Amino acid sequence: MTAAETTARDRFNSVDEMRDSVLFDGPERSRRISRFWLLLILASVIASAGVVGDSTATVIGAMIVAPLMTPILGTMLATVIGDRRNLIRSLGFVIAGALAAVAIGYVVGLIVPVEVLASTNSQVAARVSPRLIDLLAALATGVVGSVALVRRDISDTLPGVAIAISLVPPLTVAGLALESGSPAQSVGAVLLFTTNVVAILCTGIIVMSIYGVTRLAAEPTADRKKASLRRPIILLSVMAVIVAIPLAITSITIATTTITDQRIRDISASWAEPHGWAVTDVVRTGTEIHIEVEGPLPDPDTDDLVAALTAAGVDITPIIVDLTPVTTVRLSDE
């Protein structure tokens, strides 16, 4: 064995080593399956508790514990090496695990006395309106995850990959939102999960092809046919386009909303300042837009504000102005 071959062997995992890492196969199959379900249930409970408590640290802990990345990478590897049996098995674990996480989130929602929705919870709000930037982040994270599977010298980055990619938390958010009576937010969270899975598979297959994993795979057998990436690449490309459409719509909607809110804030500030009042916030609650303003009595007349907003082309129908009088008392004058 040459020095170059020895160096490559030290840097790269063999196909068998990769199979042992992510496939539910071989003599350790039962142990791997039990480990998967144990960690999935615990991660789902932790994620649900973190979302309900609006705790970022707890949700991050659930990301590290969550084992869903394993069958997703297993699906990608089985596709690349043409192992149909493990492809079906890994996909089954992805789907079953996702359904279990949603169910656990729903059950936790039944236990807690409050609704867990985007309007009152930042963890939910961050996961029910996925955008194109989320797809970009998922694509980059998928590259890191697949490279870490191939190269043993950077395999210690996998915990970071688990944190960067959001798998179990959006599923539990889907269950919580569904129980709280918001199917739309539940669908948005599932879309985020689907986006991440599709991105991991797309980038993973490309990275595996670049590293020549297909050529390194064992010869075709009854269980493992010769790998052909044409169909998977076409299917995943179509799925990526389908996923990108609602993400683009959400991105455009959020951008438009942000621009509108800033315009409302600027116009409101120009109206409030001459009266000695100040705009503290512009908040969207459901279909309403609340302009929060505070200042000294008397209350300012809002007719000028209506005229300014209308002239700027802003629809005033959903706008509500919340006036909060502020009284200043100088104690030395008492």
C-alpha atoms as a PDB file:
ATOM      1  CA  MET A   1       0.000   0.000   0.000  1.00  0.00           C
ATOM      2  CA  THR A   2       1.435   3.354  -1.037  1.00  0.00           C
ATOM      3  CA  ALA A   3       1.770   6.353   1.268  1.00  0.00           C
ATOM      4  CA  ALA A   4      -1.009   8.147  -0.651  1.00  0.00           C
ATOM      5  CA  GLU A   5      -3.347   5.172  -0.222  1.00  0.00           C
ATOM      6  CA  THR A   6      -2.538   5.009   3.484  1.00  0.00           C
ATOM      7  CA  THR A   7      -3.265   8.730   3.897  1.00  0.00           C
ATOM      8  CA  ALA A   8      -6.580   8.403   2.043  1.00  0.00           C
ATOM      9  CA  ARG A   9      -7.515   5.435   4.212  1.00  0.00           C
ATOM     10  CA  ASP A  10      -6.777   7.469   7.333  1.00  0.00           C
ATOM     11  CA  ARG A  11      -8.887  10.410   6.114  1.00  0.00           C
ATOM     12  CA  PHE A  12     -11.875   8.677   4.532  1.00  0.00           C
ATOM     13  CA  ASN A  13     -14.342   6.140   5.867  1.00  0.00           C
ATOM     14  CA  SER A  14     -14.923   3.020   3.837  1.00  0.00           C
ATOM     15  CA  VAL A  15     -18.382   2.237   2.493  1.00  0.00           C
ATOM     16  CA  ASP A  16     -18.768  -0.454   5.163  1.00  0.00           C
ATOM     17  CA  GLU A  17     -17.894   2.054   7.880  1.00  0.00           C
ATOM     18  CA  MET A  18     -20.423   4.497   6.506  1.00  0.00           C
ATOM     19  CA  ARG A  19     -23.029   1.746   6.396  1.00  0.00           C
ATOM     20  CA  ASP A  20     -22.317   0.894  10.027  1.00  0.00           C
ATOM     21  CA  SER A  21     -22.779   4.556  10.959  1.00  0.00           C
ATOM     22  CA  VAL A  22     -26.181   5.267   9.428  1.00  0.00           C
ATOM     23  CA  LEU A  23     -27.931   2.070   8.319  1.00  0.00           C
ATOM     24  CA  PHE A  24     -30.170  -0.070  10.514  1.00  0.00           C
ATOM     25  CA  ASP A  25     -28.577  -3.270   9.333  1.00  0.00           C
ATOM     26  CA  GLY A  26     -26.249  -6.042  10.461  1.00  0.00           C
ATOM     27  CA  PRO A  27     -25.903  -7.838  13.796  1.00  0.00           C
ATOM     28  CA  GLU A  28     -26.387  -4.581  15.747  1.00  0.00           C
ATOM     29  CA  ARG A  29     -29.706  -3.846  14.062  1.00  0.00           C
ATOM     30  CA  SER A  30     -31.936  -4.418  17.122  1.00  0.00           C
ATOM     31  CA  ARG A  31     -29.740  -2.252  19.338  1.00  0.00           C
ATOM     32  CA  ARG A  32     -29.683   0.554  16.772  1.00  0.00           C
ATOM     33  CA  ILE A  33     -33.450   0.472  16.357  1.00  0.00           C
ATOM     34  CA  SER A  34     -34.094   0.577  20.105  1.00  0.00           C
ATOM     35  CA  ARG A  35     -31.568   3.399  20.467  1.00  0.00           C
ATOM     36  CA  PHE A  36     -33.262   5.348  17.663  1.00  0.00           C
ATOM     37  CA  TRP A  37     -36.724   5.146  19.226  1.00  0.00           C
ATOM     38  CA  LEU A  38     -35.480   5.880  22.727  1.00  0.00           C
ATOM     39  CA  LEU A  39     -33.620   8.998  21.610  1.00  0.00           C
ATOM     40  CA  LEU A  40     -36.455  10.108  19.312  1.00  0.00           C
ATOM     41  CA  ILE A  41     -39.056   9.943  22.075  1.00  0.00           C
ATOM     42  CA  LEU A  42     -36.804  11.753  24.542  1.00  0.00           C
ATOM     43  CA  ALA A  43     -35.812  14.393  21.972  1.00  0.00           C
ATOM     44  CA  SER A  44     -39.473  14.980  21.088  1.00  0.00           C
ATOM     45  CA  VAL A  45     -40.440  15.411  24.733  1.00  0.00           C
ATOM     46  CA  ILE A  46     -37.499  17.771  25.316  1.00  0.00           C
ATOM     47  CA  ALA A  47     -38.298  19.763  22.176  1.00  0.00           C
ATOM     48  CA  SER A  48     -41.985  20.013  23.087  1.00  0.00           C
ATOM     49  CA  ALA A  49     -41.129  21.205  26.593  1.00  0.00           C
ATOM     50  CA  GLY A  50     -38.637  23.702  25.183  1.00  0.00           C
ATOM     51  CA  VAL A  51     -41.165  25.096  22.717  1.00  0.00           C
ATOM     52  CA  VAL A  52     -43.913  25.365  25.347  1.00  0.00           C
ATOM     53  CA  GLY A  53     -41.486  27.081  27.724  1.00  0.00           C
ATOM     54  CA  ASP A  54     -40.138  29.246  24.878  1.00  0.00           C
ATOM     55  CA  SER A  55     -36.620  28.134  25.826  1.00  0.00           C
ATOM     56  CA  THR A  56     -34.001  28.245  23.072  1.00  0.00           C
ATOM     57  CA  ALA A  57     -31.448  26.355  25.181  1.00  0.00           C
ATOM     58  CA  THR A  58     -33.849  23.459  25.760  1.00  0.00           C
ATOM     59  CA  VAL A  59     -34.746  23.259  22.071  1.00  0.00           C
ATOM     60  CA  ILE A  60     -31.046  23.182  21.168  1.00  0.00           C
ATOM     61  CA  GLY A  61     -30.610  20.312  23.626  1.00  0.00           C
ATOM     62  CA  ALA A  62     -33.350  18.414  21.810  1.00  0.00           C
ATOM     63  CA  MET A  63     -31.578  19.007  18.490  1.00  0.00           C
ATOM     64  CA  ILE A  64     -28.409  17.384  19.823  1.00  0.00           C
ATOM     65  CA  VAL A  65     -30.292  14.365  21.186  1.00  0.00           C
ATOM     66  CA  ALA A  66     -32.530  13.902  18.130  1.00  0.00           C
ATOM     67  CA  PRO A  67     -31.547  10.860  15.998  1.00  0.00           C
ATOM     68  CA  LEU A  68     -33.478  11.682  12.809  1.00  0.00           C
ATOM     69  CA  MET A  69     -30.325  12.728  10.982  1.00  0.00           C
ATOM     70  CA  THR A  70     -29.193   9.088  11.016  1.00  0.00           C
ATOM     71  CA  PRO A  71     -31.994   7.573   8.865  1.00  0.00           C
ATOM     72  CA  ILE A  72     -31.919  10.639   6.584  1.00  0.00           C
ATOM     73  CA  LEU A  73     -28.212  10.092   5.924  1.00  0.00           C
ATOM     74  CA  GLY A  74     -28.999   6.383   5.657  1.00  0.00           C
ATOM     75  CA  THR A  75     -31.545   7.137   2.933  1.00  0.00           C
ATOM     76  CA  MET A  76     -28.948   9.186   1.101  1.00  0.00           C
ATOM     77  CA  LEU A  77     -26.222   6.538   1.405  1.00  0.00           C
ATOM     78  CA  ALA A  78     -28.540   3.679   0.405  1.00  0.00           C
ATOM     79  CA  THR A  79     -29.546   5.675  -2.676  1.00  0.00           C
ATOM     80  CA  VAL A  80     -25.939   6.278  -3.664  1.00  0.00           C
ATOM     81  CA  ILE A  81     -24.807   2.662  -3.254  1.00  0.00           C
ATOM     82  CA  GLY A  82     -28.003   1.187  -4.710  1.00  0.00           C
ATOM     83  CA  ASP A  83     -29.141  -0.653  -1.568  1.00  0.00           C
ATOM     84  CA  ARG A  84     -32.891  -0.731  -2.135  1.00  0.00           C
ATOM     85  CA  ARG A  85     -33.763  -2.671   1.007  1.00  0.00           C
ATOM     86  CA  ASN A  86     -31.982  -0.228   3.298  1.00  0.00           C
ATOM     87  CA  LEU A  87     -33.339   2.694   1.282  1.00  0.00           C
ATOM     88  CA  ILE A  88     -36.904   1.591   2.040  1.00  0.00           C
ATOM     89  CA  ARG A  89     -35.988   0.825   5.654  1.00  0.00           C
ATOM     90  CA  SER A  90     -34.334   4.204   6.241  1.00  0.00           C
ATOM     91  CA  LEU A  91     -37.195   6.092   4.592  1.00  0.00           C
ATOM     92  CA  GLY A  92     -39.575   4.172   6.818  1.00  0.00           C
ATOM     93  CA  PHE A  93     -37.705   5.312   9.923  1.00  0.00           C
ATOM     94  CA  VAL A  94     -37.751   8.922   8.707  1.00  0.00           C
ATOM     95  CA  ILE A  95     -41.510   8.874   8.116  1.00  0.00           C
ATOM     96  CA  ALA A  96     -42.375   6.896  11.258  1.00  0.00           C
ATOM     97  CA  GLY A  97     -40.070   9.045  13.386  1.00  0.00           C
ATOM     98  CA  ALA A  98     -41.592  12.240  11.981  1.00  0.00           C
ATOM     99  CA  LEU A  99     -45.131  11.047  12.703  1.00  0.00           C
ATOM    100  CA  ALA A 100     -44.123  10.027  16.240  1.00  0.00           C
ATOM    101  CA  ALA A 101     -42.596  13.465  16.927  1.00  0.00           C
ATOM    102  CA  VAL A 102     -45.759  15.217  15.697  1.00  0.00           C
ATOM    103  CA  ALA A 103     -47.891  12.929  17.869  1.00  0.00           C
ATOM    104  CA  ILE A 104     -45.766  13.619  20.950  1.00  0.00           C
ATOM    105  CA  GLY A 105     -46.041  17.359  20.337  1.00  0.00           C
ATOM    106  CA  TYR A 106     -49.817  16.988  20.075  1.00  0.00           C
ATOM    107  CA  VAL A 107     -50.014  15.035  23.346  1.00  0.00           C
ATOM    108  CA  VAL A 108     -47.889  17.622  25.155  1.00  0.00           C
ATOM    109  CA  GLY A 109     -50.237  20.278  23.770  1.00  0.00           C
ATOM    110  CA  LEU A 110     -53.151  18.457  25.404  1.00  0.00           C
ATOM    111  CA  ILE A 111     -51.366  18.596  28.750  1.00  0.00           C
ATOM    112  CA  VAL A 112     -50.421  22.279  28.835  1.00  0.00           C
ATOM    113  CA  PRO A 113     -53.219  24.754  29.654  1.00  0.00           C
ATOM    114  CA  VAL A 114     -52.253  27.437  27.109  1.00  0.00           C
ATOM    115  CA  GLU A 115     -52.282  27.635  23.339  1.00  0.00           C
ATOM    116  CA  VAL A 116     -48.818  27.326  21.794  1.00  0.00           C
ATOM    117  CA  LEU A 117     -48.939  29.541  18.706  1.00  0.00           C
ATOM    118  CA  ALA A 118     -46.665  31.924  16.833  1.00  0.00           C
ATOM    119  CA  SER A 119     -48.415  35.017  18.183  1.00  0.00           C
ATOM    120  CA  THR A 120     -47.265  34.299  21.741  1.00  0.00           C
ATOM    121  CA  ASN A 121     -44.268  31.985  21.339  1.00  0.00           C
ATOM    122  CA  SER A 122     -40.999  32.857  19.582  1.00  0.00           C
ATOM    123  CA  GLN A 123     -40.013  29.200  19.136  1.00  0.00           C
ATOM    124  CA  VAL A 124     -43.193  28.539  17.174  1.00  0.00           C
ATOM    125  CA  ALA A 125     -42.902  31.789  15.215  1.00  0.00           C
ATOM    126  CA  ALA A 126     -39.388  30.828  14.101  1.00  0.00           C
ATOM    127  CA  ARG A 127     -40.589  27.532  12.595  1.00  0.00           C
ATOM    128  CA  VAL A 128     -43.964  28.093  10.945  1.00  0.00           C
ATOM    129  CA  SER A 129     -42.968  30.491   8.164  1.00  0.00           C
ATOM    130  CA  PRO A 130     -39.968  28.922   6.391  1.00  0.00           C
ATOM    131  CA  ARG A 131     -38.245  31.056   3.751  1.00  0.00           C
ATOM    132  CA  LEU A 132     -35.767  30.540   0.927  1.00  0.00           C
ATOM    133  CA  ILE A 133     -32.956  31.433   3.324  1.00  0.00           C
ATOM    134  CA  ASP A 134     -33.938  28.347   5.349  1.00  0.00           C
ATOM    135  CA  LEU A 135     -33.505  26.221   2.230  1.00  0.00           C
ATOM    136  CA  LEU A 136     -30.059  27.732   1.649  1.00  0.00           C
ATOM    137  CA  ALA A 137     -29.048  27.002   5.248  1.00  0.00           C
ATOM    138  CA  ALA A 138     -30.343  23.445   4.947  1.00  0.00           C
ATOM    139  CA  LEU A 139     -28.402  22.860   1.722  1.00  0.00           C
ATOM    140  CA  ALA A 140     -25.171  24.038   3.341  1.00  0.00           C
ATOM    141  CA  THR A 141     -25.828  21.957   6.448  1.00  0.00           C
ATOM    142  CA  GLY A 142     -26.523  18.907   4.307  1.00  0.00           C
ATOM    143  CA  VAL A 143     -23.121  19.320   2.645  1.00  0.00           C
ATOM    144  CA  VAL A 144     -21.400  19.395   6.031  1.00  0.00           C
ATOM    145  CA  GLY A 145     -23.326  16.354   7.249  1.00  0.00           C
ATOM    146  CA  SER A 146     -22.529  14.236   4.206  1.00  0.00           C
ATOM    147  CA  VAL A 147     -18.860  15.286   4.157  1.00  0.00           C
ATOM    148  CA  ALA A 148     -18.626  14.389   7.851  1.00  0.00           C
ATOM    149  CA  LEU A 149     -19.984  10.943   6.975  1.00  0.00           C
ATOM    150  CA  VAL A 150     -17.331  10.427   4.293  1.00  0.00           C
ATOM    151  CA  ARG A 151     -14.339  11.985   6.052  1.00  0.00           C
ATOM    152  CA  ARG A 152     -13.422  10.723   9.479  1.00  0.00           C
ATOM    153  CA  ASP A 153     -11.151  13.720  10.137  1.00  0.00           C
ATOM    154  CA  ILE A 154     -14.152  16.063  10.393  1.00  0.00           C
ATOM    155  CA  SER A 155     -16.705  13.691  11.871  1.00  0.00           C
ATOM    156  CA  ASP A 156     -16.584  15.671  15.122  1.00  0.00           C
ATOM    157  CA  THR A 157     -18.658  18.378  13.397  1.00  0.00           C
ATOM    158  CA  LEU A 158     -21.816  16.230  13.493  1.00  0.00           C
ATOM    159  CA  PRO A 159     -23.078  17.736  16.806  1.00  0.00           C
ATOM    160  CA  GLY A 160     -22.863  21.146  15.136  1.00  0.00           C
ATOM    161  CA  VAL A 161     -24.785  19.781  12.161  1.00  0.00           C
ATOM    162  CA  ALA A 162     -27.481  18.520  14.531  1.00  0.00           C
ATOM    163  CA  ILE A 163     -27.846  22.029  15.958  1.00  0.00           C
ATOM    164  CA  ALA A 164     -27.758  23.775  12.587  1.00  0.00           C
ATOM    165  CA  ILE A 165     -30.416  21.577  10.984  1.00  0.00           C
ATOM    166  CA  SER A 166     -33.881  21.693  12.528  1.00  0.00           C
ATOM    167  CA  LEU A 167     -35.592  18.294  12.413  1.00  0.00           C
ATOM    168  CA  VAL A 168     -37.458  17.284  15.575  1.00  0.00           C
ATOM    169  CA  PRO A 169     -38.376  20.807  16.865  1.00  0.00           C
ATOM    170  CA  PRO A 170     -40.498  21.755  13.811  1.00  0.00           C
ATOM    171  CA  LEU A 171     -42.270  18.396  14.028  1.00  0.00           C
ATOM    172  CA  THR A 172     -43.206  18.944  17.670  1.00  0.00           C
ATOM    173  CA  VAL A 173     -44.248  22.504  16.763  1.00  0.00           C
ATOM    174  CA  ALA A 174     -46.521  20.976  14.119  1.00  0.00           C
ATOM    175  CA  GLY A 175     -48.181  18.823  16.771  1.00  0.00           C
ATOM    176  CA  LEU A 176     -48.477  21.671  19.260  1.00  0.00           C
ATOM    177  CA  ALA A 177     -49.905  24.076  16.668  1.00  0.00           C
ATOM    178  CA  LEU A 178     -52.370  21.468  15.438  1.00  0.00           C
ATOM    179  CA  GLU A 179     -53.609  20.855  18.981  1.00  0.00           C
ATOM    180  CA  SER A 180     -53.848  24.620  19.522  1.00  0.00           C
ATOM    181  CA  GLY A 181     -56.197  24.927  16.567  1.00  0.00           C
ATOM    182  CA  SER A 182     -53.913  26.263  13.840  1.00  0.00           C
ATOM    183  CA  PRO A 183     -53.560  23.803  10.949  1.00  0.00           C
ATOM    184  CA  ALA A 184     -51.867  26.520   8.866  1.00  0.00           C
ATOM    185  CA  GLN A 185     -49.007  26.905  11.345  1.00  0.00           C
ATOM    186  CA  SER A 186     -48.763  23.123  11.621  1.00  0.00           C
ATOM    187  CA  VAL A 187     -48.374  22.840   7.839  1.00  0.00           C
ATOM    188  CA  GLY A 188     -45.717  25.566   7.902  1.00  0.00           C
ATOM    189  CA  ALA A 189     -43.675  23.635  10.466  1.00  0.00           C
ATOM    190  CA  VAL A 190     -43.967  20.422   8.445  1.00  0.00           C
ATOM    191  CA  LEU A 191     -42.822  22.364   5.371  1.00  0.00           C
ATOM    192  CA  LEU A 192     -39.685  23.426   7.255  1.00  0.00           C
ATOM    193  CA  PHE A 193     -38.949  19.798   8.158  1.00  0.00           C
ATOM    194  CA  THR A 194     -39.564  18.666   4.570  1.00  0.00           C
ATOM    195  CA  THR A 195     -37.296  21.426   3.287  1.00  0.00           C
ATOM    196  CA  ASN A 196     -34.477  20.272   5.531  1.00  0.00           C
ATOM    197  CA  VAL A 197     -34.863  16.606   4.556  1.00  0.00           C
ATOM    198  CA  VAL A 198     -34.954  17.331   0.823  1.00  0.00           C
ATOM    199  CA  ALA A 199     -31.928  19.627   1.131  1.00  0.00           C
ATOM    200  CA  ILE A 200     -29.908  17.019   3.032  1.00  0.00           C
ATOM    201  CA  LEU A 201     -30.713  14.330   0.466  1.00  0.00           C
ATOM    202  CA  CYS A 202     -29.946  16.584  -2.522  1.00  0.00           C
ATOM    203  CA  THR A 203     -26.619  17.839  -1.269  1.00  0.00           C
ATOM    204  CA  GLY A 204     -25.714  14.481   0.232  1.00  0.00           C
ATOM    205  CA  ILE A 205     -26.094  12.624  -3.047  1.00  0.00           C
ATOM    206  CA  ILE A 206     -24.038  15.270  -4.851  1.00  0.00           C
ATOM    207  CA  VAL A 207     -21.261  15.170  -2.240  1.00  0.00           C
ATOM    208  CA  MET A 208     -21.205  11.362  -2.256  1.00  0.00           C
ATOM    209  CA  SER A 209     -20.898  11.389  -6.042  1.00  0.00           C
ATOM    210  CA  ILE A 210     -18.017  13.879  -5.874  1.00  0.00           C
ATOM    211  CA  TYR A 211     -16.191  11.663  -3.396  1.00  0.00           C
ATOM    212  CA  GLY A 212     -16.805   8.618  -5.598  1.00  0.00           C
ATOM    213  CA  VAL A 213     -18.752   6.605  -3.050  1.00  0.00           C
ATOM    214  CA  THR A 214     -20.750   4.950  -5.826  1.00  0.00           C
ATOM    215  CA  ARG A 215     -17.543   3.573  -7.359  1.00  0.00           C
ATOM    216  CA  LEU A 216     -16.334   2.385  -3.953  1.00  0.00           C
ATOM    217  CA  ALA A 217     -19.515   0.443  -3.216  1.00  0.00           C
ATOM    218  CA  ALA A 218     -19.436  -3.351  -3.317  1.00  0.00           C
ATOM    219  CA  GLU A 219     -20.380  -5.213  -6.459  1.00  0.00           C
ATOM    220  CA  PRO A 220     -24.134  -5.573  -7.098  1.00  0.00           C
ATOM    221  CA  THR A 221     -25.847  -8.446  -5.284  1.00  0.00           C
ATOM    222  CA  ALA A 222     -29.415  -9.664  -4.935  1.00  0.00           C
ATOM    223  CA  ASP A 223     -29.988  -7.035  -2.230  1.00  0.00           C
ATOM    224  CA  ARG A 224     -27.833  -4.281  -3.665  1.00  0.00           C
ATOM    225  CA  LYS A 225     -28.316  -3.371  -7.297  1.00  0.00           C
ATOM    226  CA  LYS A 226     -25.928  -1.270  -9.301  1.00  0.00           C
ATOM    227  CA  ALA A 227     -26.430   2.307  -8.205  1.00  0.00           C
ATOM    228  CA  SER A 228     -28.049   4.673 -10.679  1.00  0.00           C
ATOM    229  CA  LEU A 229     -28.431   8.245  -9.470  1.00  0.00           C
ATOM    230  CA  ARG A 230     -30.401   9.530 -12.434  1.00  0.00           C
ATOM    231  CA  ARG A 231     -33.880   8.855 -11.027  1.00  0.00           C
ATOM    232  CA  PRO A 232     -33.084   9.992  -7.444  1.00  0.00           C
ATOM    233  CA  ILE A 233     -31.526  13.210  -8.722  1.00  0.00           C
ATOM    234  CA  ILE A 234     -34.521  13.945 -10.963  1.00  0.00           C
ATOM    235  CA  LEU A 235     -36.982  13.158  -8.151  1.00  0.00           C
ATOM    236  CA  LEU A 236     -35.137  15.248  -5.585  1.00  0.00           C
ATOM    237  CA  SER A 237     -34.756  18.120  -8.037  1.00  0.00           C
ATOM    238  CA  VAL A 238     -38.505  18.123  -8.613  1.00  0.00           C
ATOM    239  CA  MET A 239     -39.112  17.978  -4.856  1.00  0.00           C
ATOM    240  CA  ALA A 240     -36.690  20.850  -4.301  1.00  0.00           C
ATOM    241  CA  VAL A 241     -38.567  22.976  -6.836  1.00  0.00           C
ATOM    242  CA  ILE A 242     -41.913  22.077  -5.258  1.00  0.00           C
ATOM    243  CA  VAL A 243     -40.593  22.985  -1.802  1.00  0.00           C
ATOM    244  CA  ALA A 244     -38.983  26.185  -3.075  1.00  0.00           C
ATOM    245  CA  ILE A 245     -42.285  27.564  -4.407  1.00  0.00           C
ATOM    246  CA  PRO A 246     -44.023  28.044  -1.019  1.00  0.00           C
ATOM    247  CA  LEU A 247     -40.715  29.158   0.495  1.00  0.00           C
ATOM    248  CA  ALA A 248     -40.428  31.863  -2.166  1.00  0.00           C
ATOM    249  CA  ILE A 249     -44.012  32.948  -1.557  1.00  0.00           C
ATOM    250  CA  THR A 250     -43.374  33.166   2.193  1.00  0.00           C
ATOM    251  CA  SER A 251     -40.140  35.090   1.618  1.00  0.00           C
ATOM    252  CA  ILE A 252     -41.897  37.616  -0.625  1.00  0.00           C
ATOM    253  CA  THR A 253     -44.769  37.963   1.850  1.00  0.00           C
ATOM    254  CA  ILE A 254     -42.423  38.546   4.791  1.00  0.00           C
ATOM    255  CA  ALA A 255     -40.361  41.054   2.811  1.00  0.00           C
ATOM    256  CA  THR A 256     -43.487  42.932   1.747  1.00  0.00           C
ATOM    257  CA  THR A 257     -44.819  42.924   5.299  1.00  0.00           C
ATOM    258  CA  THR A 258     -41.524  44.217   6.670  1.00  0.00           C
ATOM    259  CA  ILE A 259     -41.447  47.065   4.161  1.00  0.00           C
ATOM    260  CA  THR A 260     -45.077  47.964   4.918  1.00  0.00           C
ATOM    261  CA  ASP A 261     -44.492  47.900   8.686  1.00  0.00           C
ATOM    262  CA  GLN A 262     -41.455  50.153   8.340  1.00  0.00           C
ATOM    263  CA  ARG A 263     -43.443  52.591   6.201  1.00  0.00           C
ATOM    264  CA  ILE A 264     -46.232  52.653   8.798  1.00  0.00           C
ATOM    265  CA  ARG A 265     -43.664  53.227  11.553  1.00  0.00           C
ATOM    266  CA  ASP A 266     -42.008  56.123   9.694  1.00  0.00           C
ATOM    267  CA  ILE A 267     -45.316  57.837   8.860  1.00  0.00           C
ATOM    268  CA  SER A 268     -46.597  57.341  12.410  1.00  0.00           C
ATOM    269  CA  ALA A 269     -43.388  58.741  13.899  1.00  0.00           C
ATOM    270  CA  SER A 270     -43.652  61.846  11.707  1.00  0.00           C
ATOM    271  CA  TRP A 271     -47.252  62.320  12.863  1.00  0.00           C
ATOM    272  CA  ALA A 272     -46.591  61.670  16.569  1.00  0.00           C
ATOM    273  CA  GLU A 273     -43.436  63.771  17.025  1.00  0.00           C
ATOM    274  CA  PRO A 274     -45.044  67.227  16.691  1.00  0.00           C
ATOM    275  CA  HIS A 275     -47.522  66.245  19.418  1.00  0.00           C
ATOM    276  CA  GLY A 276     -44.720  65.198  21.767  1.00  0.00           C
ATOM    277  CA  TRP A 277     -45.629  61.524  21.378  1.00  0.00           C
ATOM    278  CA  ALA A 278     -43.425  58.623  20.229  1.00  0.00           C
ATOM    279  CA  VAL A 279     -44.058  55.350  18.377  1.00  0.00           C
ATOM    280  CA  THR A 280     -42.823  52.478  20.540  1.00  0.00           C
ATOM    281  CA  ASP A 281     -43.723  49.579  18.248  1.00  0.00           C
ATOM    282  CA  VAL A 282     -45.702  48.363  15.255  1.00  0.00           C
ATOM    283  CA  VAL A 283     -47.111  44.908  15.975  1.00  0.00           C
ATOM    284  CA  ARG A 284     -49.129  42.521  13.829  1.00  0.00           C
ATOM    285  CA  THR A 285     -51.681  40.460  15.753  1.00  0.00           C
ATOM    286  CA  GLY A 286     -53.621  38.150  13.497  1.00  0.00           C
ATOM    287  CA  THR A 287     -55.172  40.346  10.819  1.00  0.00           C
ATOM    288  CA  GLU A 288     -54.666  43.576  12.797  1.00  0.00           C
ATOM    289  CA  ILE A 289     -51.749  46.011  12.824  1.00  0.00           C
ATOM    290  CA  HIS A 290     -51.265  47.818  16.123  1.00  0.00           C
ATOM    291  CA  ILE A 291     -49.362  51.106  16.221  1.00  0.00           C
ATOM    292  CA  GLU A 292     -48.275  51.564  19.820  1.00  0.00           C
ATOM    293  CA  VAL A 293     -47.787  55.237  20.715  1.00  0.00           C
ATOM    294  CA  GLU A 294     -47.140  56.919  24.043  1.00  0.00           C
ATOM    295  CA  GLY A 295     -46.858  60.508  25.210  1.00  0.00           C
ATOM    296  CA  PRO A 296     -48.385  63.260  27.407  1.00  0.00           C
ATOM    297  CA  LEU A 297     -52.036  64.238  27.455  1.00  0.00           C
ATOM    298  CA  PRO A 298     -54.037  65.333  25.571  1.00  0.00           C
ATOM    299  CA  ASP A 299     -54.332  62.498  23.063  1.00  0.00           C
ATOM    300  CA  PRO A 300     -53.230  63.526  19.565  1.00  0.00           C
ATOM    301  CA  ASP A 301     -55.813  63.741  16.791  1.00  0.00           C
ATOM    302  CA  THR A 302     -55.470  60.767  14.441  1.00  0.00           C
ATOM    303  CA  ASP A 303     -57.085  62.418  11.415  1.00  0.00           C
ATOM    304  CA  ASP A 304     -53.695  63.602  10.132  1.00  0.00           C
ATOM    305  CA  LEU A 305     -52.305  60.078  10.562  1.00  0.00           C
ATOM    306  CA  VAL A 306     -55.173  58.613   8.535  1.00  0.00           C
ATOM    307  CA  ALA A 307     -54.558  61.145   5.765  1.00  0.00           C
ATOM    308  CA  ALA A 308     -50.805  60.482   5.699  1.00  0.00           C
ATOM    309  CA  LEU A 309     -51.207  56.686   5.591  1.00  0.00           C
ATOM    310  CA  THR A 310     -53.863  56.886   2.877  1.00  0.00           C
ATOM    311  CA  ALA A 311     -51.707  59.211   0.796  1.00  0.00           C
ATOM    312  CA  ALA A 312     -48.854  56.701   1.040  1.00  0.00           C
ATOM    313  CA  GLY A 313     -51.090  53.914  -0.273  1.00  0.00           C
ATOM    314  CA  VAL A 314     -51.353  52.067   3.060  1.00  0.00           C
ATOM    315  CA  ASP A 315     -54.605  50.248   3.758  1.00  0.00           C
ATOM    316  CA  ILE A 316     -55.842  51.635   7.090  1.00  0.00           C
ATOM    317  CA  THR A 317     -58.593  49.013   7.544  1.00  0.00           C
ATOM    318  CA  PRO A 318     -56.524  46.633   9.750  1.00  0.00           C
ATOM    319  CA  ILE A 319     -54.681  49.424  11.607  1.00  0.00           C
ATOM    320  CA  ILE A 320     -55.388  50.173  15.261  1.00  0.00           C
ATOM    321  CA  VAL A 321     -53.621  52.954  17.162  1.00  0.00           C
ATOM    322  CA  ASP A 322     -52.940  52.149  20.812  1.00  0.00           C
ATOM    323  CA  LEU A 323     -52.491  55.459  22.676  1.00  0.00           C
ATOM    324  CA  THR A 324     -50.807  55.214  26.084  1.00  0.00           C
ATOM    325  CA  PRO A 325     -50.783  58.518  28.031  1.00  0.00           C
ATOM    326  CA  VAL A 326     -47.591  59.124  29.992  1.00  0.00           C
ATOM    327  CA  THR A 327     -47.626  61.441  33.024  1.00  0.00           C
ATOM    328  CA  THR A 328     -44.335  62.818  34.321  1.00  0.00           C
ATOM    329  CA  VAL A 329     -44.129  63.942  37.974  1.00  0.00           C
ATOM    330  CA  ARG A 330     -41.100  65.833  39.256  1.00  0.00           C
ATOM    331  CA  LEU A 331     -40.787  64.949  42.939  1.00  0.00           C
ATOM    332  CA  SER A 332     -38.830  68.122  43.786  1.00  0.00           C
ATOM    333  CA  ASP A 333     -41.870  70.199  42.858  1.00  0.00           C
ATOM    334  CA  GLU A 334     -44.157  68.355  45.250  1.00  0.00           C
END
